[in-house]
Amino acid sequence: MKKSTAKKRAYSKGQNIAQLAREKGIDPNLVYGRLHKGWTLAKALSEPKRPTAKKKAKPQVIEQSTAVTEEPVVSEKGRDFLDTMFFHVMILIVAIVIALIAINE
């Protein structure tokens, strides 16, 4: 019989390790792991499972709609600023075009 199979077949009252672990309320894989680490069967079955750290809750993601339902509201002052800005950008573009033409001549 293989060594691993022999470890799994520790009989007590005609039960194998998995049955004994379930009776104690312990996961059989935990008991097998403890035996593999060299624990005695009595200790592997009597020690309670170590408590694990609680997982932190993931922050909830709030979905925001990207669809625009209404036209943005711009005040008269803001509209005047945008008109002025557009005018200045157009003048700058014209000045650049004139400078490029002068350089190429």
Protein backbone atom coordinates (compact mmCIF):
# COMPACT_ATOMS: atom_id res chain seq x y z
CA MET A 1 0.00 0.00 0.00
CA LYS A 2 1.28 3.51 -0.84
CA LYS A 3 2.36 5.75 2.01
CA SER A 4 -0.27 8.40 1.17
CA THR A 5 -3.02 5.75 1.10
CA ALA A 6 -1.83 4.33 4.40
CA LYS A 7 -2.08 7.77 6.04
CA LYS A 8 -5.64 8.21 4.81
CA ARG A 9 -6.67 4.87 6.28
CA ALA A 10 -6.31 5.38 9.99
CA TYR A 11 -9.09 3.30 11.37
CA SER A 12 -10.90 4.12 14.57
CA LYS A 13 -14.24 2.41 15.14
CA GLY A 14 -14.09 1.23 11.50
CA GLN A 15 -13.94 4.79 10.09
CA ASN A 16 -11.38 6.41 7.83
CA ILE A 17 -9.85 9.89 8.32
CA ALA A 18 -12.42 11.67 6.15
CA GLN A 19 -15.29 10.24 8.19
CA LEU A 20 -13.59 11.13 11.47
CA ALA A 21 -12.93 14.68 10.27
CA ARG A 22 -16.54 15.17 9.19
CA GLU A 23 -17.74 13.94 12.60
CA LYS A 24 -15.54 16.59 14.26
CA GLY A 25 -16.79 19.25 11.84
CA ILE A 26 -13.39 19.70 10.19
CA ASP A 27 -12.68 19.67 6.46
CA PRO A 28 -10.99 16.35 5.59
CA ASN A 29 -8.52 18.13 3.31
CA LEU A 30 -7.39 20.22 6.28
CA VAL A 31 -6.75 17.03 8.29
CA TYR A 32 -4.86 15.45 5.37
CA GLY A 33 -2.73 18.59 5.07
CA ARG A 34 -1.95 18.52 8.78
CA LEU A 35 -0.95 14.85 8.60
CA HIS A 36 1.26 15.62 5.61
CA LYS A 37 3.02 18.26 7.76
CA GLY A 38 3.74 15.64 10.41
CA TRP A 39 0.90 16.22 12.89
CA THR A 40 -0.45 13.27 14.82
CA LEU A 41 -3.93 12.09 13.95
CA ALA A 42 -5.24 13.01 17.41
CA LYS A 43 -3.87 16.57 17.15
CA ALA A 44 -5.01 16.99 13.52
CA LEU A 45 -8.57 16.08 14.54
CA SER A 46 -8.67 18.04 17.82
CA GLU A 47 -7.20 21.42 16.80
CA PRO A 48 -9.87 23.82 15.54
CA LYS A 49 -9.42 25.54 12.21
CA ARG A 50 -7.45 28.78 12.50
CA PRO A 51 -9.71 31.82 11.99
CA THR A 52 -9.13 33.62 8.73
CA ALA A 53 -9.13 37.36 8.21
CA LYS A 54 -12.38 38.83 6.96
CA LYS A 55 -12.29 40.05 3.41
CA LYS A 56 -12.76 43.77 2.94
CA ALA A 57 -15.91 44.74 1.15
CA LYS A 58 -15.31 46.01 -2.35
CA PRO A 59 -16.39 49.62 -2.88
CA GLN A 60 -19.57 49.91 -4.86
CA VAL A 61 -19.26 51.40 -8.30
CA ILE A 62 -22.01 53.86 -9.08
CA GLU A 63 -22.72 53.91 -12.76
CA GLN A 64 -23.32 57.31 -14.23
CA SER A 65 -25.24 57.85 -17.39
CA THR A 66 -23.16 59.39 -20.17
CA ALA A 67 -26.18 60.30 -22.25
CA VAL A 68 -26.98 64.01 -22.35
CA THR A 69 -30.65 64.51 -21.79
CA GLU A 70 -30.70 68.28 -21.88
CA GLU A 71 -28.67 70.96 -23.57
CA PRO A 72 -26.06 72.37 -21.19
CA VAL A 73 -27.03 75.67 -19.67
CA VAL A 74 -24.52 78.46 -20.39
CA SER A 75 -25.02 81.92 -18.97
CA GLU A 76 -24.91 85.03 -21.19
CA LYS A 77 -21.56 85.94 -19.69
CA GLY A 78 -20.21 82.46 -20.45
CA ARG A 79 -21.57 82.58 -23.99
CA ASP A 80 -19.88 85.95 -24.57
CA PHE A 81 -16.60 84.51 -23.28
CA LEU A 82 -16.87 81.52 -25.66
CA ASP A 83 -17.66 83.80 -28.61
CA THR A 84 -14.66 86.00 -27.77
CA MET A 85 -12.42 82.98 -27.37
CA PHE A 86 -13.53 81.59 -30.74
CA PHE A 87 -12.81 84.96 -32.37
CA HIS A 88 -9.27 85.08 -30.90
CA VAL A 89 -8.52 81.51 -32.02
CA MET A 90 -9.63 82.36 -35.55
CA ILE A 91 -7.35 85.43 -35.61
CA LEU A 92 -4.44 83.27 -34.41
CA ILE A 93 -5.06 80.71 -37.16
CA VAL A 94 -5.17 83.41 -39.83
CA ALA A 95 -1.92 84.92 -38.49
CA ILE A 96 -0.20 81.50 -38.65
CA VAL A 97 -1.40 80.90 -42.21
CA ILE A 98 -0.13 84.35 -43.30
CA ALA A 99 3.25 83.67 -41.63
CA LEU A 100 3.57 80.29 -43.39
CA ILE A 101 2.78 81.88 -46.75
CA ALA A 102 5.38 84.61 -46.15
CA ILE A 103 8.03 82.02 -45.24
CA ASN A 104 7.42 79.96 -48.37
CA GLU A 105 7.74 82.93 -50.78
